[in-house]
Amino acid sequence: MTGRPMPGPGTRVSVRPAEWQPSPGIEGQTYHDIVIVSVHESHDPRFAWVYAHGPDCAWRSADCTRPFCFEVLVNVDVLAAAAAGERP
């Protein structure tokens, strides 16, 4: 990635429209809160692949047994700001 800090597992990140992509080149049109499982490089240096759960799914009382529920591209500026505690 860009050598910038990325949020670690369990970090809650809010992504707004145009800050994420469900697949390369397709802009996300909705707002989502996600809880990071892991962050990975993508072919586009502006975005990173993020594996995540929804906040409800990530609670200890949730029954989700999947390793992640979301696989999306998220803008690295958003991820770096979340890692620095500059945004939710």
C-alpha atoms as a PDB file:
ATOM      1  CA  MET A   1       0.000   0.000   0.000  1.00  0.00           C
ATOM      2  CA  THR A   2       1.191   3.512   0.501  1.00  0.00           C
ATOM      3  CA  GLY A   3       3.368   2.814   3.536  1.00  0.00           C
ATOM      4  CA  ARG A   4       0.783   4.643   5.635  1.00  0.00           C
ATOM      5  CA  PRO A   5      -0.701   3.038   8.739  1.00  0.00           C
ATOM      6  CA  MET A   6      -3.881   1.064   8.079  1.00  0.00           C
ATOM      7  CA  PRO A   7      -6.541   0.228  10.657  1.00  0.00           C
ATOM      8  CA  GLY A   8      -6.147  -3.085  12.429  1.00  0.00           C
ATOM      9  CA  PRO A   9      -8.659  -5.838  13.089  1.00  0.00           C
ATOM     10  CA  GLY A  10     -11.654  -4.683  15.091  1.00  0.00           C
ATOM     11  CA  THR A  11     -11.425  -1.041  13.986  1.00  0.00           C
ATOM     12  CA  ARG A  12     -14.796   0.427  13.100  1.00  0.00           C
ATOM     13  CA  VAL A  13     -14.725   2.563   9.939  1.00  0.00           C
ATOM     14  CA  SER A  14     -17.524   4.590   8.387  1.00  0.00           C
ATOM     15  CA  VAL A  15     -17.414   4.757   4.601  1.00  0.00           C
ATOM     16  CA  ARG A  16     -19.479   7.264   2.663  1.00  0.00           C
ATOM     17  CA  PRO A  17     -20.644   7.165  -0.953  1.00  0.00           C
ATOM     18  CA  ALA A  18     -17.690   7.341  -3.400  1.00  0.00           C
ATOM     19  CA  GLU A  19     -15.199   6.293  -0.655  1.00  0.00           C
ATOM     20  CA  TRP A  20     -15.601   2.598  -1.407  1.00  0.00           C
ATOM     21  CA  GLN A  21     -16.183   0.257  -4.329  1.00  0.00           C
ATOM     22  CA  PRO A  22     -17.992  -3.092  -4.353  1.00  0.00           C
ATOM     23  CA  SER A  23     -15.765  -4.058  -7.290  1.00  0.00           C
ATOM     24  CA  PRO A  24     -13.046  -2.192  -9.200  1.00  0.00           C
ATOM     25  CA  GLY A  25     -14.351   0.871 -10.999  1.00  0.00           C
ATOM     26  CA  ILE A  26     -17.869   0.745  -9.495  1.00  0.00           C
ATOM     27  CA  GLU A  27     -18.465   3.526  -6.945  1.00  0.00           C
ATOM     28  CA  GLY A  28     -20.315   2.648  -3.781  1.00  0.00           C
ATOM     29  CA  GLN A  29     -23.491   4.696  -3.498  1.00  0.00           C
ATOM     30  CA  THR A  30     -24.420   4.168   0.158  1.00  0.00           C
ATOM     31  CA  TYR A  31     -23.080   4.801   3.653  1.00  0.00           C
ATOM     32  CA  HIS A  32     -21.776   1.822   5.661  1.00  0.00           C
ATOM     33  CA  ASP A  33     -20.191   1.201   9.025  1.00  0.00           C
ATOM     34  CA  ILE A  34     -17.790  -1.727   8.839  1.00  0.00           C
ATOM     35  CA  VAL A  35     -15.551  -3.471  11.348  1.00  0.00           C
ATOM     36  CA  ILE A  36     -12.164  -4.330   9.853  1.00  0.00           C
ATOM     37  CA  VAL A  37     -11.009  -7.942   9.677  1.00  0.00           C
ATOM     38  CA  SER A  38      -8.017  -7.285   7.403  1.00  0.00           C
ATOM     39  CA  VAL A  39      -6.677  -4.826   4.798  1.00  0.00           C
ATOM     40  CA  HIS A  40      -4.867  -5.873   1.600  1.00  0.00           C
ATOM     41  CA  GLU A  41      -3.243  -4.181  -1.394  1.00  0.00           C
ATOM     42  CA  SER A  42      -5.129  -3.750  -4.649  1.00  0.00           C
ATOM     43  CA  HIS A  43      -4.024  -2.957  -8.182  1.00  0.00           C
ATOM     44  CA  ASP A  44      -5.248   0.631  -7.746  1.00  0.00           C
ATOM     45  CA  PRO A  45      -2.986   2.462  -5.254  1.00  0.00           C
ATOM     46  CA  ARG A  46      -5.895   4.734  -4.265  1.00  0.00           C
ATOM     47  CA  PHE A  47      -7.837   1.776  -2.840  1.00  0.00           C
ATOM     48  CA  ALA A  48      -7.197  -1.229  -0.617  1.00  0.00           C
ATOM     49  CA  TRP A  49      -9.185  -4.450  -0.374  1.00  0.00           C
ATOM     50  CA  VAL A  50     -10.911  -4.654   2.982  1.00  0.00           C
ATOM     51  CA  TYR A  51     -12.435  -7.733   4.564  1.00  0.00           C
ATOM     52  CA  ALA A  52     -14.926  -6.699   7.227  1.00  0.00           C
ATOM     53  CA  HIS A  53     -18.082  -7.431   9.184  1.00  0.00           C
ATOM     54  CA  GLY A  54     -21.028  -5.163   9.794  1.00  0.00           C
ATOM     55  CA  PRO A  55     -21.166  -3.781  13.367  1.00  0.00           C
ATOM     56  CA  ASP A  56     -24.099  -6.023  14.303  1.00  0.00           C
ATOM     57  CA  CYS A  57     -22.359  -9.090  12.948  1.00  0.00           C
ATOM     58  CA  ALA A  58     -19.096  -8.398  14.773  1.00  0.00           C
ATOM     59  CA  TRP A  59     -20.605  -8.273  18.254  1.00  0.00           C
ATOM     60  CA  ARG A  60     -19.696 -11.153  20.522  1.00  0.00           C
ATOM     61  CA  SER A  61     -23.358 -12.120  20.776  1.00  0.00           C
ATOM     62  CA  ALA A  62     -23.726 -12.410  16.993  1.00  0.00           C
ATOM     63  CA  ASP A  63     -24.053 -15.819  15.420  1.00  0.00           C
ATOM     64  CA  CYS A  64     -21.949 -15.039  12.338  1.00  0.00           C
ATOM     65  CA  THR A  65     -19.380 -17.760  11.789  1.00  0.00           C
ATOM     66  CA  ARG A  66     -17.999 -16.419   8.504  1.00  0.00           C
ATOM     67  CA  PRO A  67     -14.462 -15.023   8.458  1.00  0.00           C
ATOM     68  CA  PHE A  68     -15.846 -11.798   6.900  1.00  0.00           C
ATOM     69  CA  CYS A  69     -19.107 -10.481   5.446  1.00  0.00           C
ATOM     70  CA  PHE A  70     -17.830  -7.619   3.280  1.00  0.00           C
ATOM     71  CA  GLU A  71     -15.072  -7.683   0.664  1.00  0.00           C
ATOM     72  CA  VAL A  72     -14.839  -4.139  -0.677  1.00  0.00           C
ATOM     73  CA  LEU A  73     -12.301  -1.632  -1.934  1.00  0.00           C
ATOM     74  CA  VAL A  74     -11.913   1.349   0.392  1.00  0.00           C
ATOM     75  CA  ASN A  75     -10.072   4.596  -0.305  1.00  0.00           C
ATOM     76  CA  VAL A  76      -6.658   4.451   1.421  1.00  0.00           C
ATOM     77  CA  ASP A  77      -7.030   8.068   2.630  1.00  0.00           C
ATOM     78  CA  VAL A  78     -10.159   7.010   4.536  1.00  0.00           C
ATOM     79  CA  LEU A  79      -8.358   3.992   5.989  1.00  0.00           C
ATOM     80  CA  ALA A  80      -5.292   6.036   7.006  1.00  0.00           C
ATOM     81  CA  ALA A  81      -7.513   8.639   8.701  1.00  0.00           C
ATOM     82  CA  ALA A  82      -9.341   5.895  10.580  1.00  0.00           C
ATOM     83  CA  ALA A  83      -6.021   4.361  11.678  1.00  0.00           C
ATOM     84  CA  ALA A  84      -4.905   7.788  12.951  1.00  0.00           C
ATOM     85  CA  GLY A  85      -8.184   8.233  14.857  1.00  0.00           C
ATOM     86  CA  GLU A  86      -9.152  11.207  12.713  1.00  0.00           C
ATOM     87  CA  ARG A  87     -12.543   9.819  11.685  1.00  0.00           C
ATOM     88  CA  PRO A  88     -14.940   7.095  12.728  1.00  0.00           C
END
